[in-house]
């Protein structure tokens, strides 16, 4: 039902954009030198390549999880169509995202035996950080409006994860309680009761196919002037954002946060996002950054005087 709601929303947006188009969309013909060229009434067709960099992070309702974010980016190619100020683009891209999440401090108790064979309750006070590194293949579709070189647009994007790596790292302090005497042993390195570092990077998170909302606001920074060539070039720069609409991480079967060896001082901490702990919570990614797009193409309405000034599909 959630996806049907999104589809209805975008249909309403499309209707609103079309309804907002000026009624006098009969663009005039200007004269340049001995020839004429259209001032925006033609259909403009472009192939494009794009890329962007920015800030990537996760959003989660789990109060124990603190997201710190990281870097992200993407590269892509596709097609853009402009008509009477309206624009539509579709393409394919590859994106990469990494972010950091903090789990703060938590404690795990486990019964065992000390070096003298006496029963002890071991206490592991763990400080954990998770690093996420994900790569997606994506299909973005955007629709929007051009006005005097500026543009705004939004649309859906479907992404399929092709790689995921999750690393847990941090420290844990080991202490032990002799329950017979009620004595807790700590800060005794010679007995193994001290602080240890750990790093566990051999983990993969199972990810869902991700549906996101994407959008951008920008300007045609550079564009070719009217010539007799049939090729037009445009470079546009934009503020770009993505926001996930469904849960990114699949719950996994195991819920083992830690794995213990025979040696009480050696434990393996499994990352939060790869150990089944995410099941009660919805985790979505978001990304904000700068996007650059280079377009090359032209209009079917090409005339002797060349293309419309600057290749912008609007009236000056």
Protein backbone atom coordinates (compact mmCIF):
# COMPACT_ATOMS: atom_id res chain seq x y z
CA UNK A 1 0.00 0.00 0.00
CA UNK A 2 2.91 2.36 0.70
CA UNK A 3 4.14 2.17 -2.92
CA UNK A 4 0.64 2.81 -4.30
CA UNK A 5 0.50 5.98 -2.20
CA UNK A 6 3.84 7.16 -3.67
CA UNK A 7 2.61 6.49 -7.21
CA UNK A 8 -0.58 8.49 -6.63
CA UNK A 9 1.49 11.33 -5.17
CA UNK A 10 3.74 11.55 -8.25
CA UNK A 11 0.75 11.47 -10.59
CA UNK A 12 -0.67 14.47 -8.73
CA UNK A 13 2.70 16.27 -8.95
CA UNK A 14 2.85 15.65 -12.70
CA UNK A 15 -0.67 16.98 -13.17
CA UNK A 16 0.16 20.07 -11.10
CA UNK A 17 3.31 20.79 -13.12
CA UNK A 18 1.48 20.47 -16.43
CA UNK A 19 -1.41 22.61 -15.17
CA UNK A 20 1.07 25.29 -14.05
CA UNK A 21 2.56 25.64 -17.53
CA UNK A 22 1.82 29.05 -19.04
CA UNK A 23 -1.22 29.17 -21.28
CA UNK A 24 0.62 31.33 -23.81
CA UNK A 25 3.22 28.67 -24.55
CA UNK A 26 3.35 29.72 -28.17
CA UNK A 27 6.93 30.91 -28.15
CA UNK A 28 7.99 33.68 -30.51
CA UNK A 29 10.61 33.39 -33.22
CA UNK A 30 13.62 35.68 -32.88
CA UNK A 31 15.91 36.77 -35.66
CA UNK A 32 19.66 36.49 -35.50
CA UNK A 33 21.84 37.62 -38.41
CA UNK A 34 20.13 36.45 -41.62
CA UNK A 35 18.57 33.35 -40.13
CA UNK A 36 16.11 32.65 -37.37
CA UNK A 37 16.09 30.25 -34.47
CA UNK A 38 13.42 29.26 -32.02
CA UNK A 39 13.40 30.82 -28.58
CA UNK A 40 12.25 27.75 -26.71
CA UNK A 41 9.36 26.22 -28.61
CA UNK A 42 11.27 23.22 -29.89
CA UNK A 43 11.73 19.84 -28.27
CA UNK A 44 15.25 19.56 -26.91
CA UNK A 45 16.80 16.11 -26.58
CA UNK A 46 20.00 15.57 -24.61
CA UNK A 47 22.25 12.72 -23.61
CA UNK A 48 23.97 13.41 -20.30
CA UNK A 49 26.65 12.24 -17.93
CA UNK A 50 26.48 13.25 -14.29
CA UNK A 51 28.33 12.93 -11.03
CA UNK A 52 28.07 14.16 -7.51
CA UNK A 53 29.66 14.10 -4.04
CA UNK A 54 28.26 14.87 -0.63
CA UNK A 55 27.22 13.72 2.83
CA UNK A 56 25.73 10.27 3.40
CA UNK A 57 24.08 8.98 6.59
CA UNK A 58 21.42 6.72 8.08
CA UNK A 59 18.26 7.54 9.95
CA UNK A 60 17.04 5.10 12.60
CA UNK A 61 14.51 5.24 15.43
CA UNK A 62 16.65 3.08 17.74
CA UNK A 63 17.61 5.38 20.64
CA UNK A 64 20.79 3.34 21.18
CA UNK A 65 22.07 4.11 17.68
CA UNK A 66 23.79 7.43 16.98
CA UNK A 67 24.54 8.05 13.30
CA UNK A 68 27.51 10.22 12.39
CA UNK A 69 27.43 10.04 8.63
CA UNK A 70 30.22 9.94 6.08
CA UNK A 71 30.97 10.59 2.42
CA UNK A 72 29.05 9.50 -0.65
CA UNK A 73 28.91 10.03 -4.37
CA UNK A 74 27.63 8.77 -7.70
CA UNK A 75 28.29 8.72 -11.44
CA UNK A 76 25.67 8.16 -14.13
CA UNK A 77 24.41 8.67 -17.64
CA UNK A 78 21.02 9.05 -19.29
CA UNK A 79 18.59 11.10 -21.33
CA UNK A 80 16.97 14.49 -20.73
CA UNK A 81 14.05 16.05 -22.61
CA UNK A 82 13.02 19.72 -22.46
CA UNK A 83 9.79 21.21 -23.76
CA UNK A 84 8.29 24.64 -23.01
CA UNK A 85 10.06 24.85 -19.65
CA UNK A 86 9.15 21.30 -18.67
CA UNK A 87 11.97 18.78 -18.35
CA UNK A 88 12.14 15.03 -17.86
CA UNK A 89 15.20 12.84 -17.31
CA UNK A 90 15.85 9.12 -16.89
CA UNK A 91 19.07 7.19 -16.65
CA UNK A 92 21.24 4.75 -14.75
CA UNK A 93 23.93 5.40 -12.19
CA UNK A 94 26.24 3.77 -9.67
CA UNK A 95 26.47 5.21 -6.19
CA UNK A 96 28.71 4.58 -3.21
CA UNK A 97 27.96 5.49 0.38
CA UNK A 98 29.78 5.13 3.64
CA UNK A 99 28.70 6.25 7.07
CA UNK A 100 29.39 5.65 10.73
CA UNK A 101 27.06 4.65 13.55
CA UNK A 102 27.81 4.69 17.25
CA UNK A 103 26.29 2.19 19.69
CA UNK A 104 27.65 3.87 22.79
CA UNK A 105 28.36 1.62 25.80
CA UNK A 106 26.63 -1.64 26.61
CA UNK A 107 27.41 -4.56 28.88
CA UNK A 108 27.34 -8.31 28.34
CA UNK A 109 27.75 -10.82 31.19
CA UNK A 110 28.93 -14.38 30.72
CA UNK A 111 29.73 -17.10 33.23
CA UNK A 112 33.14 -18.74 33.00
CA UNK A 113 36.27 -19.77 34.86
CA UNK A 114 39.31 -17.76 35.73
CA UNK A 115 42.93 -18.85 35.28
CA UNK A 116 42.74 -20.79 38.58
CA UNK A 117 39.62 -22.69 37.54
CA UNK A 118 37.27 -20.79 39.83
CA UNK A 119 33.78 -19.80 38.69
CA UNK A 120 33.61 -16.15 37.67
CA UNK A 121 30.96 -13.95 36.05
CA UNK A 122 32.78 -12.04 33.33
CA UNK A 123 31.60 -8.54 32.45
CA UNK A 124 32.31 -7.04 29.02
CA UNK A 125 31.73 -3.28 28.89
CA UNK A 126 31.76 -2.64 25.15
CA UNK A 127 32.22 0.63 23.26
CA UNK A 128 31.22 0.07 19.63
CA UNK A 129 31.40 1.93 16.31
CA UNK A 130 30.05 0.55 13.05
CA UNK A 131 31.32 1.62 9.64
CA UNK A 132 29.07 0.98 6.62
CA UNK A 133 30.27 0.89 3.02
CA UNK A 134 27.63 0.21 0.34
CA UNK A 135 27.44 0.36 -3.45
CA UNK A 136 24.24 0.51 -5.53
CA UNK A 137 23.17 0.34 -9.16
CA UNK A 138 20.25 2.76 -9.56
CA UNK A 139 17.61 4.02 -11.99
CA UNK A 140 16.58 7.64 -11.26
CA UNK A 141 13.62 9.37 -12.96
CA UNK A 142 13.03 13.09 -12.51
CA UNK A 143 10.49 15.63 -13.74
CA UNK A 144 10.60 19.37 -13.19
CA UNK A 145 10.50 22.92 -14.47
CA UNK A 146 13.02 25.29 -16.09
CA UNK A 147 12.86 29.08 -15.76
CA UNK A 148 15.54 31.51 -16.92
CA UNK A 149 18.33 28.98 -16.58
CA UNK A 150 17.26 27.76 -13.16
CA UNK A 151 15.67 24.37 -12.73
CA UNK A 152 13.91 22.36 -10.03
CA UNK A 153 12.80 18.76 -10.18
CA UNK A 154 12.13 15.58 -8.23
CA UNK A 155 11.21 11.96 -8.77
CA UNK A 156 11.65 8.34 -7.68
CA UNK A 157 14.81 6.25 -7.77
CA UNK A 158 15.14 2.48 -7.50
CA UNK A 159 18.46 1.10 -6.26
CA UNK A 160 19.83 -2.44 -6.09
CA UNK A 161 22.75 -3.13 -3.73
CA UNK A 162 25.72 -4.82 -5.42
CA UNK A 163 28.10 -4.72 -2.47
CA UNK A 164 27.92 -4.13 1.28
CA UNK A 165 30.60 -4.11 3.95
CA UNK A 166 30.04 -3.45 7.64
CA UNK A 167 32.90 -3.13 10.11
CA UNK A 168 32.65 -3.11 13.89
CA UNK A 169 35.48 -1.60 15.88
CA UNK A 170 36.04 -0.20 19.35
CA UNK A 171 37.15 -1.31 22.81
CA UNK A 172 35.88 -3.50 25.58
CA UNK A 173 36.84 -3.53 29.23
CA UNK A 174 36.91 -6.95 30.87
CA UNK A 175 36.16 -7.39 34.55
CA UNK A 176 35.03 -10.36 36.62
CA UNK A 177 33.01 -11.02 39.75
CA UNK A 178 33.65 -13.89 42.12
CA UNK A 179 30.04 -14.51 43.08
CA UNK A 180 31.00 -16.59 46.08
CA UNK A 181 32.72 -13.66 47.76
CA UNK A 182 31.00 -10.81 45.85
CA UNK A 183 34.32 -9.32 44.76
CA UNK A 184 34.70 -7.66 41.34
CA UNK A 185 38.15 -7.78 39.78
CA UNK A 186 39.13 -4.98 37.40
CA UNK A 187 42.19 -3.04 36.30
CA UNK A 188 44.35 -6.11 36.84
CA UNK A 189 46.27 -6.56 33.52
CA UNK A 190 48.31 -9.44 34.90
CA UNK A 191 45.05 -11.37 35.36
CA UNK A 192 43.60 -10.25 32.04
CA UNK A 193 41.20 -7.72 33.57
CA UNK A 194 41.92 -4.67 31.42
CA UNK A 195 40.80 -2.85 28.24
CA UNK A 196 41.15 -4.41 24.77
CA UNK A 197 40.79 -3.09 21.23
CA UNK A 198 38.89 -5.03 18.61
CA UNK A 199 38.26 -4.84 14.86
CA UNK A 200 35.80 -7.04 12.95
CA UNK A 201 35.52 -6.22 9.26
CA UNK A 202 34.47 -9.55 7.73
CA UNK A 203 30.75 -8.79 7.61
CA UNK A 204 28.05 -8.18 5.00
CA UNK A 205 24.66 -6.61 5.59
CA UNK A 206 21.70 -7.99 3.65
CA UNK A 207 20.03 -5.01 1.94
CA UNK A 208 16.60 -4.57 0.37
CA UNK A 209 15.96 -3.06 -3.03
CA UNK A 210 15.72 0.60 -2.08
CA UNK A 211 13.13 3.08 -3.33
CA UNK A 212 14.13 6.70 -2.75
CA UNK A 213 12.87 10.20 -3.38
CA UNK A 214 15.44 12.29 -5.27
CA UNK A 215 15.42 15.97 -6.14
CA UNK A 216 17.60 18.83 -7.24
CA UNK A 217 17.63 22.63 -7.56
CA UNK A 218 20.21 24.20 -9.82
CA UNK A 219 21.30 26.38 -12.71
CA UNK A 220 22.74 26.03 -16.24
CA UNK A 221 26.22 27.23 -15.33
CA UNK A 222 27.61 27.06 -18.87
CA UNK A 223 25.93 26.60 -22.26
CA UNK A 224 26.90 26.93 -25.91
CA UNK A 225 25.82 30.00 -27.88
CA UNK A 226 23.75 29.73 -31.11
CA UNK A 227 25.79 28.40 -33.98
CA UNK A 228 25.13 26.65 -37.24
CA UNK A 229 26.28 23.43 -35.61
CA UNK A 230 23.61 20.88 -34.82
CA UNK A 231 25.14 20.19 -31.41
CA UNK A 232 24.36 22.03 -28.20
CA UNK A 233 26.32 21.72 -24.92
CA UNK A 234 25.09 22.50 -21.40
CA UNK A 235 26.75 22.19 -17.98
CA UNK A 236 24.42 22.49 -15.03
CA UNK A 237 25.20 22.44 -11.32
CA UNK A 238 22.64 21.66 -8.62
CA UNK A 239 22.02 21.00 -4.96
CA UNK A 240 20.96 17.36 -4.88
CA UNK A 241 19.27 15.15 -2.26
CA UNK A 242 18.09 11.56 -1.79
CA UNK A 243 15.89 10.11 0.94
CA UNK A 244 15.06 6.42 1.31
CA UNK A 245 11.38 5.47 1.46
CA UNK A 246 11.64 1.88 2.64
CA UNK A 247 13.71 -0.09 5.13
CA UNK A 248 17.25 -0.52 3.84
CA UNK A 249 18.49 -3.43 5.93
CA UNK A 250 16.97 -6.93 5.87
CA UNK A 251 16.72 -8.62 9.27
CA UNK A 252 19.03 -11.63 9.39
CA UNK A 253 18.49 -14.95 11.13
CA UNK A 254 21.21 -14.66 13.75
CA UNK A 255 21.07 -12.23 16.64
CA UNK A 256 24.53 -12.97 18.03
CA UNK A 257 26.09 -9.68 18.93
CA UNK A 258 29.17 -11.33 20.38
CA UNK A 259 31.05 -14.58 19.91
CA UNK A 260 33.27 -15.90 22.69
CA UNK A 261 36.43 -17.98 22.43
CA UNK A 262 37.77 -20.33 25.09
CA UNK A 263 39.96 -17.46 26.19
CA UNK A 264 37.74 -15.00 28.05
CA UNK A 265 39.86 -12.06 26.90
CA UNK A 266 39.14 -12.75 23.22
CA UNK A 267 35.67 -11.91 21.91
CA UNK A 268 34.27 -11.07 18.48
CA UNK A 269 31.77 -8.20 18.26
CA UNK A 270 29.43 -8.47 15.28
CA UNK A 271 28.21 -5.18 13.76
CA UNK A 272 24.76 -3.95 14.68
CA UNK A 273 23.62 -3.87 11.04
CA UNK A 274 24.78 -7.44 10.33
CA UNK A 275 23.61 -9.27 13.45
CA UNK A 276 19.81 -9.16 13.33
CA UNK A 277 19.47 -6.26 15.78
CA UNK A 278 17.72 -3.99 13.27
CA UNK A 279 14.48 -5.97 13.00
CA UNK A 280 12.33 -3.79 15.34
CA UNK A 281 13.45 -0.57 13.64
CA UNK A 282 13.19 1.07 10.24
CA UNK A 283 16.55 2.25 8.89
CA UNK A 284 16.64 4.56 5.88
CA UNK A 285 19.59 6.28 4.19
CA UNK A 286 19.78 9.88 3.03
CA UNK A 287 22.28 11.85 0.98
CA UNK A 288 22.81 15.54 0.24
CA UNK A 289 25.44 17.02 -2.01
CA UNK A 290 26.42 18.82 -5.20
CA UNK A 291 25.58 17.38 -8.61
CA UNK A 292 27.17 18.26 -11.96
CA UNK A 293 25.55 17.29 -15.25
CA UNK A 294 26.98 17.68 -18.74
CA UNK A 295 24.40 17.53 -21.55
CA UNK A 296 24.94 17.23 -25.28
CA UNK A 297 22.15 17.25 -27.86
CA UNK A 298 19.84 19.56 -29.68
CA UNK A 299 16.39 20.37 -31.02
CA UNK A 300 14.35 18.79 -33.77
CA UNK A 301 13.34 22.33 -34.68
CA UNK A 302 16.85 23.34 -35.77
CA UNK A 303 16.90 26.24 -38.22
CA UNK A 304 19.47 28.13 -40.29
CA UNK A 305 20.35 30.51 -37.47
CA UNK A 306 21.26 27.75 -35.04
CA UNK A 307 19.92 26.84 -31.63
CA UNK A 308 18.17 29.00 -29.11
CA UNK A 309 20.60 31.18 -27.18
CA UNK A 310 22.36 29.17 -24.53
CA UNK A 311 20.32 26.08 -25.43
CA UNK A 312 17.95 26.89 -22.57
CA UNK A 313 14.44 25.75 -23.34
CA UNK A 314 12.62 28.90 -22.18
CA UNK A 315 11.92 32.49 -23.25
CA UNK A 316 14.45 35.20 -22.38
